């Protein structure tokens, strides 16, 4: 029997993490626009139509497909009063022997350094380890991004090294520092008999 799964909704103390919806377009565009100078040094170059309704509609459809298919979990961070503060995505979900995924995130400039991302990472990692049965969550950021490194370290991620020319950020290939968080009850355990 086919059963429709409910969309993921994760609750933290001050925020709710949920899939983006078409009705989020105006809030998303406003937050990304006002935060552009704050975000672009840390992100890939924005496409010319990055803030267009069509681009956002494609993002909403991709998020729904990826979540249903189990390949990614793209979530918006929404304060309890309904204000959009940012987004976090658990992407590159690998099953089988890897049981891992990678997180990426952004927060709007007006909400930076207020602990929202730490809450989001905490609830998403807990969900990934308990509900999704992942064993490893990875993250990468630019070496000079002290805020991102700090939130990862405060969230239980451990530094693992440097990846050379890892991603194109702000128009050029950049090295990234790599972090990982391991599900503690899986360290050293295998299913081999």
C-alpha atoms as a PDB file:
ATOM      1  CA  UNK A   1       0.000   0.000   0.000  1.00  0.00           C
ATOM      2  CA  UNK A   2       1.343   3.442  -0.961  1.00  0.00           C
ATOM      3  CA  UNK A   3       1.628   5.822   1.960  1.00  0.00           C
ATOM      4  CA  UNK A   4       2.419   9.478   1.418  1.00  0.00           C
ATOM      5  CA  UNK A   5       5.182  10.631   3.719  1.00  0.00           C
ATOM      6  CA  UNK A   6       4.787  13.875   5.582  1.00  0.00           C
ATOM      7  CA  UNK A   7       7.271  16.598   4.644  1.00  0.00           C
ATOM      8  CA  UNK A   8      10.077  16.900   7.157  1.00  0.00           C
ATOM      9  CA  UNK A   9       9.519  19.507   9.850  1.00  0.00           C
ATOM     10  CA  UNK A  10      12.155  19.830  12.557  1.00  0.00           C
ATOM     11  CA  UNK A  11      11.687  21.996  15.622  1.00  0.00           C
ATOM     12  CA  UNK A  12      14.403  23.737  17.606  1.00  0.00           C
ATOM     13  CA  UNK A  13      14.016  26.153  20.485  1.00  0.00           C
ATOM     14  CA  UNK A  14      13.496  29.347  18.444  1.00  0.00           C
ATOM     15  CA  UNK A  15      13.158  28.076  14.883  1.00  0.00           C
ATOM     16  CA  UNK A  16      11.421  25.526  12.703  1.00  0.00           C
ATOM     17  CA  UNK A  17      13.227  23.805   9.826  1.00  0.00           C
ATOM     18  CA  UNK A  18      10.967  22.981   6.884  1.00  0.00           C
ATOM     19  CA  UNK A  19      11.015  22.578   3.127  1.00  0.00           C
ATOM     20  CA  UNK A  20      10.741  25.808   1.133  1.00  0.00           C
ATOM     21  CA  UNK A  21       7.300  26.672  -0.233  1.00  0.00           C
ATOM     22  CA  UNK A  22       6.220  28.843  -3.161  1.00  0.00           C
ATOM     23  CA  UNK A  23       4.809  31.337  -0.645  1.00  0.00           C
ATOM     24  CA  UNK A  24       8.350  31.951   0.702  1.00  0.00           C
ATOM     25  CA  UNK A  25       9.459  33.709  -2.481  1.00  0.00           C
ATOM     26  CA  UNK A  26       9.100  37.311  -1.300  1.00  0.00           C
ATOM     27  CA  UNK A  27      10.747  36.684   2.081  1.00  0.00           C
ATOM     28  CA  UNK A  28      13.581  34.676   0.502  1.00  0.00           C
ATOM     29  CA  UNK A  29      14.257  37.272  -2.189  1.00  0.00           C
ATOM     30  CA  UNK A  30      14.208  40.128   0.319  1.00  0.00           C
ATOM     31  CA  UNK A  31      16.572  38.348   2.718  1.00  0.00           C
ATOM     32  CA  UNK A  32      18.995  37.241  -0.008  1.00  0.00           C
ATOM     33  CA  UNK A  33      18.945  40.753  -1.556  1.00  0.00           C
ATOM     34  CA  UNK A  34      19.622  42.613   1.685  1.00  0.00           C
ATOM     35  CA  UNK A  35      22.308  40.067   2.626  1.00  0.00           C
ATOM     36  CA  UNK A  36      24.031  39.932  -0.784  1.00  0.00           C
ATOM     37  CA  UNK A  37      27.298  41.659   0.234  1.00  0.00           C
ATOM     38  CA  UNK A  38      27.384  39.577   3.424  1.00  0.00           C
ATOM     39  CA  UNK A  39      26.854  36.240   1.613  1.00  0.00           C
ATOM     40  CA  UNK A  40      28.687  36.471  -1.715  1.00  0.00           C
ATOM     41  CA  UNK A  41      32.259  36.186  -0.346  1.00  0.00           C
ATOM     42  CA  UNK A  42      31.327  32.710   0.970  1.00  0.00           C
ATOM     43  CA  UNK A  43      29.144  31.363  -1.866  1.00  0.00           C
ATOM     44  CA  UNK A  44      29.423  30.323  -5.508  1.00  0.00           C
ATOM     45  CA  UNK A  45      28.712  33.174  -7.938  1.00  0.00           C
ATOM     46  CA  UNK A  46      25.000  33.875  -8.171  1.00  0.00           C
ATOM     47  CA  UNK A  47      23.419  33.197 -11.558  1.00  0.00           C
ATOM     48  CA  UNK A  48      21.992  36.295 -13.258  1.00  0.00           C
ATOM     49  CA  UNK A  49      18.461  35.039 -12.480  1.00  0.00           C
ATOM     50  CA  UNK A  50      19.311  33.945  -8.907  1.00  0.00           C
ATOM     51  CA  UNK A  51      16.580  36.102  -7.336  1.00  0.00           C
ATOM     52  CA  UNK A  52      13.922  35.502 -10.007  1.00  0.00           C
ATOM     53  CA  UNK A  53      10.604  33.843  -9.276  1.00  0.00           C
ATOM     54  CA  UNK A  54      11.363  31.155 -11.888  1.00  0.00           C
ATOM     55  CA  UNK A  55      14.656  30.293 -10.201  1.00  0.00           C
ATOM     56  CA  UNK A  56      12.940  30.133  -6.814  1.00  0.00           C
ATOM     57  CA  UNK A  57      10.135  27.944  -8.220  1.00  0.00           C
ATOM     58  CA  UNK A  58      12.753  25.534  -9.559  1.00  0.00           C
ATOM     59  CA  UNK A  59      14.391  25.530  -6.117  1.00  0.00           C
ATOM     60  CA  UNK A  60      11.085  24.631  -4.426  1.00  0.00           C
ATOM     61  CA  UNK A  61      10.425  21.770  -6.874  1.00  0.00           C
ATOM     62  CA  UNK A  62      14.004  20.483  -6.511  1.00  0.00           C
ATOM     63  CA  UNK A  63      13.713  20.570  -2.703  1.00  0.00           C
ATOM     64  CA  UNK A  64      10.504  18.510  -2.766  1.00  0.00           C
ATOM     65  CA  UNK A  65      11.949  15.947  -5.231  1.00  0.00           C
ATOM     66  CA  UNK A  66      15.258  15.637  -3.382  1.00  0.00           C
ATOM     67  CA  UNK A  67      13.527  15.197  -0.028  1.00  0.00           C
ATOM     68  CA  UNK A  68      11.130  12.548  -1.389  1.00  0.00           C
ATOM     69  CA  UNK A  69      13.979  10.756  -3.157  1.00  0.00           C
ATOM     70  CA  UNK A  70      16.219  10.769  -0.092  1.00  0.00           C
ATOM     71  CA  UNK A  71      19.126  12.465  -1.882  1.00  0.00           C
ATOM     72  CA  UNK A  72      18.981  15.774  -0.007  1.00  0.00           C
ATOM     73  CA  UNK A  73      17.065  17.582   2.703  1.00  0.00           C
ATOM     74  CA  UNK A  74      16.933  21.315   1.834  1.00  0.00           C
ATOM     75  CA  UNK A  75      15.312  23.215   4.691  1.00  0.00           C
ATOM     76  CA  UNK A  76      14.476  26.838   5.475  1.00  0.00           C
ATOM     77  CA  UNK A  77      15.087  28.209   8.965  1.00  0.00           C
ATOM     78  CA  UNK A  78      11.948  30.030  10.067  1.00  0.00           C
ATOM     79  CA  UNK A  79      11.635  31.779  13.398  1.00  0.00           C
ATOM     80  CA  UNK A  80       8.579  30.917  15.469  1.00  0.00           C
ATOM     81  CA  UNK A  81       7.084  34.302  14.491  1.00  0.00           C
ATOM     82  CA  UNK A  82       7.260  33.282  10.794  1.00  0.00           C
ATOM     83  CA  UNK A  83      10.375  35.270   9.816  1.00  0.00           C
ATOM     84  CA  UNK A  84      12.784  33.517   7.430  1.00  0.00           C
ATOM     85  CA  UNK A  85      16.341  33.669   8.802  1.00  0.00           C
ATOM     86  CA  UNK A  86      18.312  31.355   6.478  1.00  0.00           C
ATOM     87  CA  UNK A  87      18.601  27.830   5.126  1.00  0.00           C
ATOM     88  CA  UNK A  88      20.466  24.578   5.684  1.00  0.00           C
ATOM     89  CA  UNK A  89      20.766  21.594   3.355  1.00  0.00           C
ATOM     90  CA  UNK A  90      21.814  18.046   4.086  1.00  0.00           C
ATOM     91  CA  UNK A  91      23.008  17.054   0.615  1.00  0.00           C
ATOM     92  CA  UNK A  92      24.969  14.301  -1.120  1.00  0.00           C
ATOM     93  CA  UNK A  93      23.253  11.712   1.064  1.00  0.00           C
ATOM     94  CA  UNK A  94      25.052   8.434   0.507  1.00  0.00           C
ATOM     95  CA  UNK A  95      23.601   5.137   1.680  1.00  0.00           C
ATOM     96  CA  UNK A  96      25.115   1.669   1.863  1.00  0.00           C
ATOM     97  CA  UNK A  97      28.494   1.454   3.548  1.00  0.00           C
ATOM     98  CA  UNK A  98      28.929   5.271   3.669  1.00  0.00           C
ATOM     99  CA  UNK A  99      25.690   6.299   5.467  1.00  0.00           C
ATOM    100  CA  UNK A 100      26.780   9.935   5.233  1.00  0.00           C
ATOM    101  CA  UNK A 101      25.830  13.377   3.989  1.00  0.00           C
ATOM    102  CA  UNK A 102      27.162  16.902   3.699  1.00  0.00           C
ATOM    103  CA  UNK A 103      25.669  20.062   5.166  1.00  0.00           C
ATOM    104  CA  UNK A 104      25.757  23.528   3.709  1.00  0.00           C
ATOM    105  CA  UNK A 105      24.044  26.581   5.156  1.00  0.00           C
ATOM    106  CA  UNK A 106      23.567  30.334   5.076  1.00  0.00           C
ATOM    107  CA  UNK A 107      21.994  32.867   7.403  1.00  0.00           C
ATOM    108  CA  UNK A 108      20.755  36.338   6.483  1.00  0.00           C
ATOM    109  CA  UNK A 109      22.917  39.202   7.692  1.00  0.00           C
ATOM    110  CA  UNK A 110      20.298  40.592  10.136  1.00  0.00           C
ATOM    111  CA  UNK A 111      20.280  37.210  11.929  1.00  0.00           C
ATOM    112  CA  UNK A 112      24.004  36.400  11.935  1.00  0.00           C
ATOM    113  CA  UNK A 113      25.764  35.566  15.194  1.00  0.00           C
ATOM    114  CA  UNK A 114      22.516  35.058  17.106  1.00  0.00           C
ATOM    115  CA  UNK A 115      22.749  31.271  17.483  1.00  0.00           C
ATOM    116  CA  UNK A 116      20.125  30.354  14.872  1.00  0.00           C
ATOM    117  CA  UNK A 117      22.519  28.278  12.788  1.00  0.00           C
ATOM    118  CA  UNK A 118      23.835  26.430  15.838  1.00  0.00           C
ATOM    119  CA  UNK A 119      20.231  25.456  16.658  1.00  0.00           C
ATOM    120  CA  UNK A 120      19.588  24.399  13.055  1.00  0.00           C
ATOM    121  CA  UNK A 121      22.752  22.298  12.815  1.00  0.00           C
ATOM    122  CA  UNK A 122      21.976  20.637  16.139  1.00  0.00           C
ATOM    123  CA  UNK A 123      18.440  19.592  15.229  1.00  0.00           C
ATOM    124  CA  UNK A 124      19.381  18.532  11.687  1.00  0.00           C
ATOM    125  CA  UNK A 125      22.348  16.421  12.815  1.00  0.00           C
ATOM    126  CA  UNK A 126      20.184  14.775  15.485  1.00  0.00           C
ATOM    127  CA  UNK A 127      17.552  13.980  12.831  1.00  0.00           C
ATOM    128  CA  UNK A 128      20.214  12.639  10.445  1.00  0.00           C
ATOM    129  CA  UNK A 129      21.691  10.327  13.092  1.00  0.00           C
ATOM    130  CA  UNK A 130      18.461   9.113  14.682  1.00  0.00           C
ATOM    131  CA  UNK A 131      15.710   9.172  12.057  1.00  0.00           C
ATOM    132  CA  UNK A 132      17.786   8.835   8.881  1.00  0.00           C
ATOM    133  CA  UNK A 133      20.351   6.450  10.434  1.00  0.00           C
ATOM    134  CA  UNK A 134      23.335   8.301   8.970  1.00  0.00           C
ATOM    135  CA  UNK A 135      26.715   7.720  10.566  1.00  0.00           C
ATOM    136  CA  UNK A 136      28.727  10.716   9.352  1.00  0.00           C
ATOM    137  CA  UNK A 137      27.879  14.326   8.544  1.00  0.00           C
ATOM    138  CA  UNK A 138      30.499  16.374   6.720  1.00  0.00           C
ATOM    139  CA  UNK A 139      30.896  20.127   6.245  1.00  0.00           C
ATOM    140  CA  UNK A 140      33.410  22.391   4.539  1.00  0.00           C
ATOM    141  CA  UNK A 141      34.087  26.106   4.751  1.00  0.00           C
ATOM    142  CA  UNK A 142      36.702  28.641   3.771  1.00  0.00           C
ATOM    143  CA  UNK A 143      39.642  28.717   6.199  1.00  0.00           C
ATOM    144  CA  UNK A 144      39.104  32.410   6.964  1.00  0.00           C
ATOM    145  CA  UNK A 145      35.372  31.991   7.717  1.00  0.00           C
ATOM    146  CA  UNK A 146      35.774  32.142  11.498  1.00  0.00           C
ATOM    147  CA  UNK A 147      32.017  32.297  12.124  1.00  0.00           C
ATOM    148  CA  UNK A 148      31.321  29.123  10.145  1.00  0.00           C
ATOM    149  CA  UNK A 149      34.251  27.276  11.691  1.00  0.00           C
ATOM    150  CA  UNK A 150      33.085  28.343  15.145  1.00  0.00           C
ATOM    151  CA  UNK A 151      29.501  27.173  14.671  1.00  0.00           C
ATOM    152  CA  UNK A 152      30.699  23.807  13.360  1.00  0.00           C
ATOM    153  CA  UNK A 153      33.070  23.308  16.292  1.00  0.00           C
ATOM    154  CA  UNK A 154      30.365  24.351  18.787  1.00  0.00           C
ATOM    155  CA  UNK A 155      28.050  21.820  17.112  1.00  0.00           C
ATOM    156  CA  UNK A 156      30.366  18.850  17.690  1.00  0.00           C
ATOM    157  CA  UNK A 157      32.164  18.818  14.337  1.00  0.00           C
ATOM    158  CA  UNK A 158      35.870  17.966  14.347  1.00  0.00           C
ATOM    159  CA  UNK A 159      38.472  19.408  12.002  1.00  0.00           C
ATOM    160  CA  UNK A 160      39.751  16.790   9.547  1.00  0.00           C
ATOM    161  CA  UNK A 161      41.999  18.656   7.137  1.00  0.00           C
ATOM    162  CA  UNK A 162      42.153  20.841   4.047  1.00  0.00           C
ATOM    163  CA  UNK A 163      40.770  20.095   0.591  1.00  0.00           C
ATOM    164  CA  UNK A 164      42.679  21.884  -2.142  1.00  0.00           C
ATOM    165  CA  UNK A 165      40.613  23.785  -4.740  1.00  0.00           C
ATOM    166  CA  UNK A 166      37.461  22.243  -3.255  1.00  0.00           C
ATOM    167  CA  UNK A 167      34.779  24.611  -4.607  1.00  0.00           C
ATOM    168  CA  UNK A 168      34.448  27.702  -6.756  1.00  0.00           C
ATOM    169  CA  UNK A 169      33.558  30.483  -4.351  1.00  0.00           C
ATOM    170  CA  UNK A 170      33.006  34.078  -5.411  1.00  0.00           C
ATOM    171  CA  UNK A 171      34.325  33.165  -8.862  1.00  0.00           C
ATOM    172  CA  UNK A 172      37.548  31.275  -8.079  1.00  0.00           C
ATOM    173  CA  UNK A 173      38.647  27.837  -6.911  1.00  0.00           C
ATOM    174  CA  UNK A 174      39.211  27.928  -3.164  1.00  0.00           C
ATOM    175  CA  UNK A 175      40.698  25.613  -0.553  1.00  0.00           C
ATOM    176  CA  UNK A 176      38.293  24.562   2.203  1.00  0.00           C
ATOM    177  CA  UNK A 177      38.758  23.219   5.698  1.00  0.00           C
ATOM    178  CA  UNK A 178      36.889  19.955   6.216  1.00  0.00           C
ATOM    179  CA  UNK A 179      34.911  18.996   9.297  1.00  0.00           C
ATOM    180  CA  UNK A 180      32.911  15.918  10.258  1.00  0.00           C
ATOM    181  CA  UNK A 181      30.523  14.862  13.004  1.00  0.00           C
ATOM    182  CA  UNK A 182      30.270  11.131  13.692  1.00  0.00           C
ATOM    183  CA  UNK A 183      27.409   9.337  15.319  1.00  0.00           C
ATOM    184  CA  UNK A 184      29.026   8.349  18.591  1.00  0.00           C
ATOM    185  CA  UNK A 185      27.492   4.876  18.888  1.00  0.00           C
ATOM    186  CA  UNK A 186      28.858   3.977  15.441  1.00  0.00           C
ATOM    187  CA  UNK A 187      32.529   4.753  16.036  1.00  0.00           C
ATOM    188  CA  UNK A 188      34.473   1.573  15.445  1.00  0.00           C
ATOM    189  CA  UNK A 189      31.375  -0.593  14.995  1.00  0.00           C
ATOM    190  CA  UNK A 190      30.766  -2.648  11.890  1.00  0.00           C
ATOM    191  CA  UNK A 191      28.108  -5.116  10.903  1.00  0.00           C
ATOM    192  CA  UNK A 192      30.763  -7.702  10.006  1.00  0.00           C
ATOM    193  CA  UNK A 193      30.606 -10.940  11.944  1.00  0.00           C
END
